[in-house]
Amino acid sequence: MSDQSEQKYPSLFQQGKNLAGFTWELLNYITKNEEKVLFVSDEVYKERIGICKTCDKYDELENRCRECGCYVPGKAKINIDSCPLKKWDVDASNWEDKFLTIQKELSLDKDQKTE
C-alpha cells in the first residue's frame, strides 16, 4: 500500500469541531462587516428597486411586496435574497472574491492572535 492510502483524516468529531469553529468565525466576521458581505452594490439595489416599482404586486404606499410581504428596500439590499416572482435573483457577483477576502482576513486575525 502507498503512504497516501494509509493517511488518516481527523476524526468526525474533530472535523465537526473544525467546521463549527470556522462557522463561528465566519458569523462573527459577517456581523462586524455586514456592509462588505451581505449587501448588494448601489447599482444592483437601484435595479432591483426599479423592477419592484413596476410590478403589480408592489404596494407603493407601504413600500412592500404583496407577494411575500417583505419591506422592499430591505429585501432589495440583501445579496442572498430574491424576488418570489423570479423578477430578480440572488446576487452572487463577486461572492467568490468576497469569500476569499473573508478567509484571508480571518487567517490574518488568527495569525495576529498567535504572535
PDB file of N, CA and C in Angstrom:
ATOM      1  N   MET A   1       0.828  -1.198   0.000  1.00  0.00           N
ATOM      2  CA  MET A   1       0.000   0.000   0.000  1.00  0.00           C
ATOM      3  C   MET A   1       0.865   1.250   0.000  1.00  0.00           C
ATOM      4  N   SER A   2       0.364   2.261  -0.661  1.00  0.00           N
ATOM      5  CA  SER A   2       1.114   3.519  -0.694  1.00  0.00           C
ATOM      6  C   SER A   2       0.885   4.300   0.596  1.00  0.00           C
ATOM      7  N   ASP A   3       1.774   5.255   0.821  1.00  0.00           N
ATOM      8  CA  ASP A   3       1.650   6.086   2.012  1.00  0.00           C
ATOM      9  C   ASP A   3       0.357   6.890   1.996  1.00  0.00           C
ATOM     10  N   GLN A   4      -0.083   7.296   0.792  1.00  0.00           N
ATOM     11  CA  GLN A   4      -1.297   8.105   0.697  1.00  0.00           C
ATOM     12  C   GLN A   4      -2.531   7.335   1.160  1.00  0.00           C
ATOM     13  N   SER A   5      -2.623   6.061   0.828  1.00  0.00           N
ATOM     14  CA  SER A   5      -3.802   5.287   1.218  1.00  0.00           C
ATOM     15  C   SER A   5      -3.844   5.042   2.718  1.00  0.00           C
ATOM     16  N   GLU A   6      -2.701   5.210   3.391  1.00  0.00           N
ATOM     17  CA  GLU A   6      -2.650   4.998   4.828  1.00  0.00           C
ATOM     18  C   GLU A   6      -2.878   6.275   5.616  1.00  0.00           C
ATOM     19  N   GLN A   7      -2.958   7.405   4.934  1.00  0.00           N
ATOM     20  CA  GLN A   7      -3.189   8.666   5.634  1.00  0.00           C
ATOM     21  C   GLN A   7      -4.533   8.634   6.321  1.00  0.00           C
ATOM     22  N   LYS A   8      -4.565   9.147   7.520  1.00  0.00           N
ATOM     23  CA  LYS A   8      -5.802   9.203   8.288  1.00  0.00           C
ATOM     24  C   LYS A   8      -6.326  10.637   8.277  1.00  0.00           C
ATOM     25  N   TYR A   9      -7.615  10.738   8.236  1.00  0.00           N
ATOM     26  CA  TYR A   9      -8.265  12.036   8.367  1.00  0.00           C
ATOM     27  C   TYR A   9      -8.551  12.282   9.838  1.00  0.00           C
ATOM     28  N   PRO A  10      -8.769  13.533  10.204  1.00  0.00           N
ATOM     29  CA  PRO A  10      -9.182  13.780  11.591  1.00  0.00           C
ATOM     30  C   PRO A  10     -10.484  13.025  11.873  1.00  0.00           C
ATOM     31  N   SER A  11     -10.737  12.742  13.114  1.00  0.00           N
ATOM     32  CA  SER A  11     -11.980  12.059  13.476  1.00  0.00           C
ATOM     33  C   SER A  11     -13.180  12.920  13.064  1.00  0.00           C
ATOM     34  N   LEU A  12     -14.332  12.282  12.928  1.00  0.00           N
ATOM     35  CA  LEU A  12     -15.536  13.045  12.597  1.00  0.00           C
ATOM     36  C   LEU A  12     -15.809  14.104  13.646  1.00  0.00           C
ATOM     37  N   PHE A  13     -15.541  13.779  14.891  1.00  0.00           N
ATOM     38  CA  PHE A  13     -15.714  14.750  15.971  1.00  0.00           C
ATOM     39  C   PHE A  13     -14.815  15.972  15.731  1.00  0.00           C
ATOM     40  N   GLN A  14     -13.543  15.720  15.397  1.00  0.00           N
ATOM     41  CA  GLN A  14     -12.606  16.813  15.172  1.00  0.00           C
ATOM     42  C   GLN A  14     -13.004  17.615  13.928  1.00  0.00           C
ATOM     43  N   GLN A  15     -13.450  16.917  12.878  1.00  0.00           N
ATOM     44  CA  GLN A  15     -13.904  17.614  11.679  1.00  0.00           C
ATOM     45  C   GLN A  15     -15.102  18.516  12.014  1.00  0.00           C
ATOM     46  N   GLY A  16     -15.992  18.017  12.854  1.00  0.00           N
ATOM     47  CA  GLY A  16     -17.142  18.820  13.296  1.00  0.00           C
ATOM     48  C   GLY A  16     -16.698  20.032  14.084  1.00  0.00           C
ATOM     49  N   LYS A  17     -15.726  19.853  14.969  1.00  0.00           N
ATOM     50  CA  LYS A  17     -15.192  20.986  15.735  1.00  0.00           C
ATOM     51  C   LYS A  17     -14.560  22.014  14.803  1.00  0.00           C
ATOM     52  N   ASN A  18     -13.807  21.527  13.815  1.00  0.00           N
ATOM     53  CA  ASN A  18     -13.173  22.448  12.862  1.00  0.00           C
ATOM     54  C   ASN A  18     -14.222  23.253  12.098  1.00  0.00           C
ATOM     55  N   LEU A  19     -15.263  22.572  11.626  1.00  0.00           N
ATOM     56  CA  LEU A  19     -16.331  23.245  10.898  1.00  0.00           C
ATOM     57  C   LEU A  19     -17.064  24.237  11.785  1.00  0.00           C
ATOM     58  N   ALA A  20     -17.359  23.830  13.006  1.00  0.00           N
ATOM     59  CA  ALA A  20     -18.047  24.720  13.947  1.00  0.00           C
ATOM     60  C   ALA A  20     -17.203  25.952  14.242  1.00  0.00           C
ATOM     61  N   GLY A  21     -15.899  25.761  14.402  1.00  0.00           N
ATOM     62  CA  GLY A  21     -15.006  26.891  14.660  1.00  0.00           C
ATOM     63  C   GLY A  21     -14.982  27.871  13.499  1.00  0.00           C
ATOM     64  N   PHE A  22     -14.885  27.337  12.290  1.00  0.00           N
ATOM     65  CA  PHE A  22     -14.880  28.204  11.117  1.00  0.00           C
ATOM     66  C   PHE A  22     -16.212  28.934  10.977  1.00  0.00           C
ATOM     67  N   THR A  23     -17.311  28.208  11.211  1.00  0.00           N
ATOM     68  CA  THR A  23     -18.635  28.814  11.101  1.00  0.00           C
ATOM     69  C   THR A  23     -18.781  29.946  12.107  1.00  0.00           C
ATOM     70  N   TRP A  24     -18.317  29.726  13.319  1.00  0.00           N
ATOM     71  CA  TRP A  24     -18.375  30.759  14.359  1.00  0.00           C
ATOM     72  C   TRP A  24     -17.564  31.984  13.935  1.00  0.00           C
ATOM     73  N   GLU A  25     -16.357  31.774  13.444  1.00  0.00           N
ATOM     74  CA  GLU A  25     -15.519  32.883  12.989  1.00  0.00           C
ATOM     75  C   GLU A  25     -16.185  33.629  11.832  1.00  0.00           C
ATOM     76  N   LEU A  26     -16.772  32.872  10.912  1.00  0.00           N
ATOM     77  CA  LEU A  26     -17.436  33.475   9.764  1.00  0.00           C
ATOM     78  C   LEU A  26     -18.625  34.327  10.200  1.00  0.00           C
ATOM     79  N   LEU A  27     -19.441  33.807  11.106  1.00  0.00           N
ATOM     80  CA  LEU A  27     -20.595  34.572  11.597  1.00  0.00           C
ATOM     81  C   LEU A  27     -20.156  35.838  12.323  1.00  0.00           C
ATOM     82  N   ASN A  28     -19.113  35.749  13.122  1.00  0.00           N
ATOM     83  CA  ASN A  28     -18.590  36.939  13.796  1.00  0.00           C
ATOM     84  C   ASN A  28     -18.084  37.959  12.789  1.00  0.00           C
ATOM     85  N   TYR A  29     -17.388  37.487  11.768  1.00  0.00           N
ATOM     86  CA  TYR A  29     -16.880  38.376  10.729  1.00  0.00           C
ATOM     87  C   TYR A  29     -18.034  39.086  10.024  1.00  0.00           C
ATOM     88  N   ILE A  30     -19.041  38.319   9.627  1.00  0.00           N
ATOM     89  CA  ILE A  30     -20.184  38.898   8.912  1.00  0.00           C
ATOM     90  C   ILE A  30     -20.885  39.933   9.782  1.00  0.00           C
ATOM     91  N   THR A  31     -21.034  39.632  11.062  1.00  0.00           N
ATOM     92  CA  THR A  31     -21.681  40.567  11.977  1.00  0.00           C
ATOM     93  C   THR A  31     -20.922  41.889  12.038  1.00  0.00           C
ATOM     94  N   LYS A  32     -19.606  41.821  12.041  1.00  0.00           N
ATOM     95  CA  LYS A  32     -18.789  43.028  12.135  1.00  0.00           C
ATOM     96  C   LYS A  32     -18.593  43.723  10.796  1.00  0.00           C
ATOM     97  N   ASN A  33     -18.796  43.012   9.697  1.00  0.00           N
ATOM     98  CA  ASN A  33     -18.514  43.551   8.363  1.00  0.00           C
ATOM     99  C   ASN A  33     -19.695  43.384   7.412  1.00  0.00           C
ATOM    100  N   GLU A  34     -20.909  43.529   7.925  1.00  0.00           N
ATOM    101  CA  GLU A  34     -22.084  43.221   7.106  1.00  0.00           C
ATOM    102  C   GLU A  34     -22.154  44.051   5.826  1.00  0.00           C
ATOM    103  N   GLU A  35     -21.683  45.276   5.854  1.00  0.00           N
ATOM    104  CA  GLU A  35     -21.716  46.112   4.642  1.00  0.00           C
ATOM    105  C   GLU A  35     -20.871  45.492   3.525  1.00  0.00           C
ATOM    106  N   LYS A  36     -19.754  44.877   3.892  1.00  0.00           N
ATOM    107  CA  LYS A  36     -18.870  44.283   2.890  1.00  0.00           C
ATOM    108  C   LYS A  36     -19.382  42.941   2.386  1.00  0.00           C
ATOM    109  N   VAL A  37     -20.208  42.258   3.167  1.00  0.00           N
ATOM    110  CA  VAL A  37     -20.552  40.879   2.852  1.00  0.00           C
ATOM    111  C   VAL A  37     -21.995  40.695   2.413  1.00  0.00           C
ATOM    112  N   LEU A  38     -22.925  41.282   3.130  1.00  0.00           N
ATOM    113  CA  LEU A  38     -24.331  40.953   2.950  1.00  0.00           C
ATOM    114  C   LEU A  38     -25.088  41.793   1.932  1.00  0.00           C
ATOM    115  N   PHE A  39     -24.583  42.965   1.614  1.00  0.00           N
ATOM    116  CA  PHE A  39     -25.369  43.894   0.814  1.00  0.00           C
ATOM    117  C   PHE A  39     -24.890  43.984  -0.626  1.00  0.00           C
ATOM    118  N   VAL A  40     -25.861  44.203  -1.524  1.00  0.00           N
ATOM    119  CA  VAL A  40     -25.549  44.373  -2.943  1.00  0.00           C
ATOM    120  C   VAL A  40     -24.991  45.768  -3.177  1.00  0.00           C
ATOM    121  N   SER A  41     -24.411  45.953  -4.344  1.00  0.00           N
ATOM    122  CA  SER A  41     -23.907  47.272  -4.715  1.00  0.00           C
ATOM    123  C   SER A  41     -25.080  48.229  -4.895  1.00  0.00           C
ATOM    124  N   ASP A  42     -24.799  49.513  -4.886  1.00  0.00           N
ATOM    125  CA  ASP A  42     -25.845  50.516  -5.104  1.00  0.00           C
ATOM    126  C   ASP A  42     -26.507  50.328  -6.462  1.00  0.00           C
ATOM    127  N   GLU A  43     -25.714  49.939  -7.445  1.00  0.00           N
ATOM    128  CA  GLU A  43     -26.243  49.725  -8.799  1.00  0.00           C
ATOM    129  C   GLU A  43     -27.267  48.587  -8.819  1.00  0.00           C
ATOM    130  N   VAL A  44     -26.927  47.463  -8.209  1.00  0.00           N
ATOM    131  CA  VAL A  44     -27.846  46.308  -8.150  1.00  0.00           C
ATOM    132  C   VAL A  44     -29.086  46.678  -7.343  1.00  0.00           C
ATOM    133  N   TYR A  45     -28.890  47.396  -6.244  1.00  0.00           N
ATOM    134  CA  TYR A  45     -30.014  47.830  -5.412  1.00  0.00           C
ATOM    135  C   TYR A  45     -31.002  48.677  -6.217  1.00  0.00           C
ATOM    136  N   LYS A  46     -30.480  49.658  -6.938  1.00  0.00           N
ATOM    137  CA  LYS A  46     -31.347  50.533  -7.742  1.00  0.00           C
ATOM    138  C   LYS A  46     -32.082  49.742  -8.822  1.00  0.00           C
ATOM    139  N   GLU A  47     -31.398  48.783  -9.422  1.00  0.00           N
ATOM    140  CA  GLU A  47     -32.025  47.938 -10.441  1.00  0.00           C
ATOM    141  C   GLU A  47     -33.171  47.120  -9.840  1.00  0.00           C
ATOM    142  N   ARG A  48     -32.930  46.525  -8.681  1.00  0.00           N
ATOM    143  CA  ARG A  48     -33.960  45.730  -8.019  1.00  0.00           C
ATOM    144  C   ARG A  48     -35.168  46.597  -7.638  1.00  0.00           C
ATOM    145  N   ILE A  49     -34.907  47.743  -7.050  1.00  0.00           N
ATOM    146  CA  ILE A  49     -35.986  48.652  -6.649  1.00  0.00           C
ATOM    147  C   ILE A  49     -36.800  49.068  -7.878  1.00  0.00           C
ATOM    148  N   GLY A  50     -36.104  49.370  -8.974  1.00  0.00           N
ATOM    149  CA  GLY A  50     -36.789  49.747 -10.210  1.00  0.00           C
ATOM    150  C   GLY A  50     -37.714  48.651 -10.713  1.00  0.00           C
ATOM    151  N   ILE A  51     -37.256  47.423 -10.637  1.00  0.00           N
ATOM    152  CA  ILE A  51     -38.075  46.281 -11.059  1.00  0.00           C
ATOM    153  C   ILE A  51     -39.294  46.160 -10.147  1.00  0.00           C
ATOM    154  N   CYS A  52     -39.084  46.256  -8.855  1.00  0.00           N
ATOM    155  CA  CYS A  52     -40.192  46.120  -7.908  1.00  0.00           C
ATOM    156  C   CYS A  52     -41.238  47.219  -8.117  1.00  0.00           C
ATOM    157  N   LYS A  53     -40.785  48.423  -8.364  1.00  0.00           N
ATOM    158  CA  LYS A  53     -41.726  49.539  -8.510  1.00  0.00           C
ATOM    159  C   LYS A  53     -42.608  49.415  -9.755  1.00  0.00           C
ATOM    160  N   THR A  54     -42.195  48.603 -10.719  1.00  0.00           N
ATOM    161  CA  THR A  54     -43.019  48.404 -11.916  1.00  0.00           C
ATOM    162  C   THR A  54     -43.927  47.178 -11.798  1.00  0.00           C
ATOM    163  N   CYS A  55     -43.820  46.452 -10.706  1.00  0.00           N
ATOM    164  CA  CYS A  55     -44.578  45.207 -10.514  1.00  0.00           C
ATOM    165  C   CYS A  55     -45.970  45.515  -9.953  1.00  0.00           C
ATOM    166  N   ASP A  56     -46.950  44.750 -10.392  1.00  0.00           N
ATOM    167  CA  ASP A  56     -48.316  44.950  -9.898  1.00  0.00           C
ATOM    168  C   ASP A  56     -48.487  44.481  -8.451  1.00  0.00           C
ATOM    169  N   LYS A  57     -47.510  43.786  -7.909  1.00  0.00           N
ATOM    170  CA  LYS A  57     -47.558  43.335  -6.512  1.00  0.00           C
ATOM    171  C   LYS A  57     -46.902  44.336  -5.555  1.00  0.00           C
ATOM    172  N   TYR A  58     -46.353  45.397  -6.109  1.00  0.00           N
ATOM    173  CA  TYR A  58     -45.676  46.407  -5.292  1.00  0.00           C
ATOM    174  C   TYR A  58     -46.695  47.365  -4.697  1.00  0.00           C
ATOM    175  N   ASP A  59     -46.659  47.517  -3.382  1.00  0.00           N
ATOM    176  CA  ASP A  59     -47.526  48.455  -2.674  1.00  0.00           C
ATOM    177  C   ASP A  59     -46.717  49.715  -2.403  1.00  0.00           C
ATOM    178  N   GLU A  60     -46.960  50.734  -3.219  1.00  0.00           N
ATOM    179  CA  GLU A  60     -46.172  51.971  -3.119  1.00  0.00           C
ATOM    180  C   GLU A  60     -46.377  52.680  -1.784  1.00  0.00           C
ATOM    181  N   LEU A  61     -47.590  52.669  -1.288  1.00  0.00           N
ATOM    182  CA  LEU A  61     -47.888  53.352  -0.026  1.00  0.00           C
ATOM    183  C   LEU A  61     -47.122  52.735   1.142  1.00  0.00           C
ATOM    184  N   GLU A  62     -47.078  51.423   1.198  1.00  0.00           N
ATOM    185  CA  GLU A  62     -46.394  50.713   2.288  1.00  0.00           C
ATOM    186  C   GLU A  62     -44.946  50.363   1.951  1.00  0.00           C
ATOM    187  N   ASN A  63     -44.575  50.496   0.677  1.00  0.00           N
ATOM    188  CA  ASN A  63     -43.230  50.128   0.221  1.00  0.00           C
ATOM    189  C   ASN A  63     -42.959  48.648   0.473  1.00  0.00           C
ATOM    190  N   ARG A  64     -43.998  47.814   0.225  1.00  0.00           N
ATOM    191  CA  ARG A  64     -43.912  46.378   0.491  1.00  0.00           C
ATOM    192  C   ARG A  64     -44.361  45.585  -0.724  1.00  0.00           C
ATOM    193  N   CYS A  65     -43.968  44.324  -0.729  1.00  0.00           N
ATOM    194  CA  CYS A  65     -44.364  43.391  -1.778  1.00  0.00           C
ATOM    195  C   CYS A  65     -45.595  42.628  -1.309  1.00  0.00           C
ATOM    196  N   ARG A  66     -46.643  42.640  -2.112  1.00  0.00           N
ATOM    197  CA  ARG A  66     -47.863  41.915  -1.735  1.00  0.00           C
ATOM    198  C   ARG A  66     -47.714  40.394  -1.933  1.00  0.00           C
ATOM    199  N   GLU A  67     -46.716  39.972  -2.676  1.00  0.00           N
ATOM    200  CA  GLU A  67     -46.499  38.542  -2.900  1.00  0.00           C
ATOM    201  C   GLU A  67     -45.869  37.881  -1.670  1.00  0.00           C
ATOM    202  N   CYS A  68     -44.801  38.486  -1.137  1.00  0.00           N
ATOM    203  CA  CYS A  68     -44.097  37.887   0.009  1.00  0.00           C
ATOM    204  C   CYS A  68     -44.297  38.664   1.305  1.00  0.00           C
ATOM    205  N   GLY A  69     -44.761  39.908   1.194  1.00  0.00           N
ATOM    206  CA  GLY A  69     -44.989  40.724   2.377  1.00  0.00           C
ATOM    207  C   GLY A  69     -43.772  41.486   2.855  1.00  0.00           C
ATOM    208  N   CYS A  70     -42.651  41.341   2.170  1.00  0.00           N
ATOM    209  CA  CYS A  70     -41.408  41.972   2.610  1.00  0.00           C
ATOM    210  C   CYS A  70     -41.400  43.485   2.369  1.00  0.00           C
ATOM    211  N   TYR A  71     -40.649  44.173   3.205  1.00  0.00           N
ATOM    212  CA  TYR A  71     -40.348  45.588   3.022  1.00  0.00           C
ATOM    213  C   TYR A  71     -39.314  45.654   1.901  1.00  0.00           C
ATOM    214  N   VAL A  72     -39.702  46.214   0.767  1.00  0.00           N
ATOM    215  CA  VAL A  72     -38.900  46.132  -0.450  1.00  0.00           C
ATOM    216  C   VAL A  72     -37.499  46.731  -0.306  1.00  0.00           C
ATOM    217  N   PRO A  73     -37.328  47.928   0.280  1.00  0.00           N
ATOM    218  CA  PRO A  73     -35.956  48.457   0.393  1.00  0.00           C
ATOM    219  C   PRO A  73     -35.016  47.540   1.180  1.00  0.00           C
ATOM    220  N   GLY A  74     -35.516  46.863   2.189  1.00  0.00           N
ATOM    221  CA  GLY A  74     -34.680  45.929   2.941  1.00  0.00           C
ATOM    222  C   GLY A  74     -34.370  44.681   2.142  1.00  0.00           C
ATOM    223  N   LYS A  75     -35.392  44.112   1.527  1.00  0.00           N
ATOM    224  CA  LYS A  75     -35.227  42.889   0.740  1.00  0.00           C
ATOM    225  C   LYS A  75     -34.280  43.119  -0.434  1.00  0.00           C
ATOM    226  N   ALA A  76     -34.424  44.243  -1.110  1.00  0.00           N
ATOM    227  CA  ALA A  76     -33.624  44.527  -2.306  1.00  0.00           C
ATOM    228  C   ALA A  76     -32.146  44.749  -1.987  1.00  0.00           C
ATOM    229  N   LYS A  77     -31.829  45.071  -0.747  1.00  0.00           N
ATOM    230  CA  LYS A  77     -30.444  45.370  -0.369  1.00  0.00           C
ATOM    231  C   LYS A  77     -29.634  44.116  -0.017  1.00  0.00           C
ATOM    232  N   ILE A  78     -30.303  43.026   0.343  1.00  0.00           N
ATOM    233  CA  ILE A  78     -29.614  41.807   0.792  1.00  0.00           C
ATOM    234  C   ILE A  78     -29.208  40.957  -0.416  1.00  0.00           C
ATOM    235  N   ASN A  79     -27.921  40.616  -0.513  1.00  0.00           N
ATOM    236  CA  ASN A  79     -27.442  39.911  -1.710  1.00  0.00           C
ATOM    237  C   ASN A  79     -27.953  38.484  -1.835  1.00  0.00           C
ATOM    238  N   ILE A  80     -28.332  37.837  -0.750  1.00  0.00           N
ATOM    239  CA  ILE A  80     -28.786  36.448  -0.841  1.00  0.00           C
ATOM    240  C   ILE A  80     -30.305  36.332  -0.945  1.00  0.00           C
ATOM    241  N   ASP A  81     -30.981  37.452  -1.094  1.00  0.00           N
ATOM    242  CA  ASP A  81     -32.433  37.429  -1.237  1.00  0.00           C
ATOM    243  C   ASP A  81     -32.811  37.481  -2.709  1.00  0.00           C
ATOM    244  N   SER A  82     -34.046  37.074  -3.011  1.00  0.00           N
ATOM    245  CA  SER A  82     -34.515  37.084  -4.396  1.00  0.00           C
ATOM    246  C   SER A  82     -36.009  37.376  -4.426  1.00  0.00           C
ATOM    247  N   CYS A  83     -36.487  37.748  -5.584  1.00  0.00           N
ATOM    248  CA  CYS A  83     -37.901  38.045  -5.787  1.00  0.00           C
ATOM    249  C   CYS A  83     -38.692  36.738  -5.846  1.00  0.00           C
ATOM    250  N   PRO A  84     -39.791  36.649  -5.115  1.00  0.00           N
ATOM    251  CA  PRO A  84     -40.586  35.415  -5.156  1.00  0.00           C
ATOM    252  C   PRO A  84     -41.231  35.178  -6.529  1.00  0.00           C
ATOM    253  N   LEU A  85     -41.307  36.226  -7.344  1.00  0.00           N
ATOM    254  CA  LEU A  85     -41.873  36.105  -8.690  1.00  0.00           C
ATOM    255  C   LEU A  85     -40.790  35.928  -9.750  1.00  0.00           C
ATOM    256  N   LYS A  86     -39.550  35.737  -9.286  1.00  0.00           N
ATOM    257  CA  LYS A  86     -38.393  35.488 -10.170  1.00  0.00           C
ATOM    258  C   LYS A  86     -38.073  36.670 -11.086  1.00  0.00           C
ATOM    259  N   LYS A  87     -38.371  37.886 -10.624  1.00  0.00           N
ATOM    260  CA  LYS A  87     -38.069  39.076 -11.428  1.00  0.00           C
ATOM    261  C   LYS A  87     -36.635  39.539 -11.213  1.00  0.00           C
ATOM    262  N   TRP A  88     -36.055  39.187 -10.082  1.00  0.00           N
ATOM    263  CA  TRP A  88     -34.621  39.357  -9.830  1.00  0.00           C
ATOM    264  C   TRP A  88     -34.181  38.257  -8.882  1.00  0.00           C
ATOM    265  N   ASP A  89     -32.898  37.916  -8.962  1.00  0.00           N
ATOM    266  CA  ASP A  89     -32.388  36.737  -8.270  1.00  0.00           C
ATOM    267  C   ASP A  89     -31.298  37.111  -7.271  1.00  0.00           C
ATOM    268  N   VAL A  90     -30.818  36.121  -6.560  1.00  0.00           N
ATOM    269  CA  VAL A  90     -29.682  36.275  -5.656  1.00  0.00           C
ATOM    270  C   VAL A  90     -28.532  36.921  -6.424  1.00  0.00           C
ATOM    271  N   ASP A  91     -27.830  37.832  -5.781  1.00  0.00           N
ATOM    272  CA  ASP A  91     -26.689  38.487  -6.423  1.00  0.00           C
ATOM    273  C   ASP A  91     -25.405  37.800  -5.977  1.00  0.00           C
ATOM    274  N   ALA A  92     -24.948  36.877  -6.800  1.00  0.00           N
ATOM    275  CA  ALA A  92     -23.734  36.128  -6.468  1.00  0.00           C
ATOM    276  C   ALA A  92     -22.484  36.795  -7.049  1.00  0.00           C
ATOM    277  N   SER A  93     -22.649  37.962  -7.671  1.00  0.00           N
ATOM    278  CA  SER A  93     -21.492  38.632  -8.262  1.00  0.00           C
ATOM    279  C   SER A  93     -20.475  38.959  -7.166  1.00  0.00           C
ATOM    280  N   ASN A  94     -19.269  38.682  -7.454  1.00  0.00           N
ATOM    281  CA  ASN A  94     -18.142  38.939  -6.555  1.00  0.00           C
ATOM    282  C   ASN A  94     -18.184  38.110  -5.275  1.00  0.00           C
ATOM    283  N   TRP A  95     -19.101  37.130  -5.178  1.00  0.00           N
ATOM    284  CA  TRP A  95     -19.162  36.355  -3.944  1.00  0.00           C
ATOM    285  C   TRP A  95     -17.863  35.599  -3.708  1.00  0.00           C
ATOM    286  N   GLU A  96     -17.300  35.026  -4.766  1.00  0.00           N
ATOM    287  CA  GLU A  96     -16.048  34.277  -4.598  1.00  0.00           C
ATOM    288  C   GLU A  96     -14.942  35.205  -4.102  1.00  0.00           C
ATOM    289  N   ASP A  97     -14.848  36.394  -4.680  1.00  0.00           N
ATOM    290  CA  ASP A  97     -13.846  37.366  -4.228  1.00  0.00           C
ATOM    291  C   ASP A  97     -14.094  37.776  -2.780  1.00  0.00           C
ATOM    292  N   LYS A  98     -15.361  38.012  -2.440  1.00  0.00           N
ATOM    293  CA  LYS A  98     -15.700  38.388  -1.065  1.00  0.00           C
ATOM    294  C   LYS A  98     -15.304  37.269  -0.106  1.00  0.00           C
ATOM    295  N   PHE A  99     -15.617  36.020  -0.484  1.00  0.00           N
ATOM    296  CA  PHE A  99     -15.325  34.894   0.397  1.00  0.00           C
ATOM    297  C   PHE A  99     -13.817  34.711   0.567  1.00  0.00           C
ATOM    298  N   LEU A 100     -13.052  34.872  -0.503  1.00  0.00           N
ATOM    299  CA  LEU A 100     -11.593  34.758  -0.396  1.00  0.00           C
ATOM    300  C   LEU A 100     -11.036  35.853   0.508  1.00  0.00           C
ATOM    301  N   THR A 101     -11.601  37.046   0.406  1.00  0.00           N
ATOM    302  CA  THR A 101     -11.184  38.149   1.273  1.00  0.00           C
ATOM    303  C   THR A 101     -11.491  37.815   2.729  1.00  0.00           C
ATOM    304  N   ILE A 102     -12.669  37.271   2.977  1.00  0.00           N
ATOM    305  CA  ILE A 102     -13.044  36.879   4.341  1.00  0.00           C
ATOM    306  C   ILE A 102     -12.056  35.845   4.874  1.00  0.00           C
ATOM    307  N   GLN A 103     -11.770  34.827   4.078  1.00  0.00           N
ATOM    308  CA  GLN A 103     -10.829  33.791   4.510  1.00  0.00           C
ATOM    309  C   GLN A 103      -9.474  34.399   4.838  1.00  0.00           C
ATOM    310  N   LYS A 104      -9.007  35.283   3.968  1.00  0.00           N
ATOM    311  CA  LYS A 104      -7.701  35.916   4.178  1.00  0.00           C
ATOM    312  C   LYS A 104      -7.710  36.741   5.467  1.00  0.00           C
ATOM    313  N   GLU A 105      -8.758  37.529   5.668  1.00  0.00           N
ATOM    314  CA  GLU A 105      -8.831  38.358   6.864  1.00  0.00           C
ATOM    315  C   GLU A 105      -8.973  37.516   8.128  1.00  0.00           C
ATOM    316  N   LEU A 106      -9.725  36.414   8.047  1.00  0.00           N
ATOM    317  CA  LEU A 106      -9.824  35.523   9.201  1.00  0.00           C
ATOM    318  C   LEU A 106      -8.473  34.893   9.511  1.00  0.00           C
ATOM    319  N   SER A 107      -7.712  34.528   8.479  1.00  0.00           N
ATOM    320  CA  SER A 107      -6.377  33.953   8.681  1.00  0.00           C
ATOM    321  C   SER A 107      -5.440  34.981   9.291  1.00  0.00           C
ATOM    322  N   LEU A 108      -5.524  36.231   8.814  1.00  0.00           N
ATOM    323  CA  LEU A 108      -4.681  37.287   9.371  1.00  0.00           C
ATOM    324  C   LEU A 108      -5.010  37.528  10.835  1.00  0.00           C
ATOM    325  N   ASP A 109      -6.303  37.559  11.164  1.00  0.00           N
ATOM    326  CA  ASP A 109      -6.703  37.738  12.564  1.00  0.00           C
ATOM    327  C   ASP A 109      -6.148  36.621  13.432  1.00  0.00           C
ATOM    328  N   LYS A 110      -6.231  35.396  12.936  1.00  0.00           N
ATOM    329  CA  LYS A 110      -5.756  34.242  13.687  1.00  0.00           C
ATOM    330  C   LYS A 110      -4.236  34.339  13.874  1.00  0.00           C
ATOM    331  N   ASP A 111      -3.512  34.741  12.798  1.00  0.00           N
ATOM    332  CA  ASP A 111      -2.056  34.870  12.876  1.00  0.00           C
ATOM    333  C   ASP A 111      -1.659  35.960  13.866  1.00  0.00           C
ATOM    334  N   GLN A 112      -2.402  37.058  13.886  1.00  0.00           N
ATOM    335  CA  GLN A 112      -2.077  38.159  14.804  1.00  0.00           C
ATOM    336  C   GLN A 112      -2.309  37.756  16.247  1.00  0.00           C
ATOM    337  N   LYS A 113      -3.314  36.909  16.477  1.00  0.00           N
ATOM    338  CA  LYS A 113      -3.609  36.460  17.843  1.00  0.00           C
ATOM    339  C   LYS A 113      -2.517  35.535  18.378  1.00  0.00           C
ATOM    340  N   THR A 114      -1.837  34.798  17.480  1.00  0.00           N
ATOM    341  CA  THR A 114      -0.825  33.845  17.921  1.00  0.00           C
ATOM    342  C   THR A 114       0.553  34.482  18.050  1.00  0.00           C
ATOM    343  N   GLU A 115       0.701  35.708  17.575  1.00  0.00           N
ATOM    344  CA  GLU A 115       2.015  36.367  17.651  1.00  0.00           C
ATOM    345  C   GLU A 115       2.273  36.923  19.016  1.00  0.00           C
TER     346      GLU A 115
END
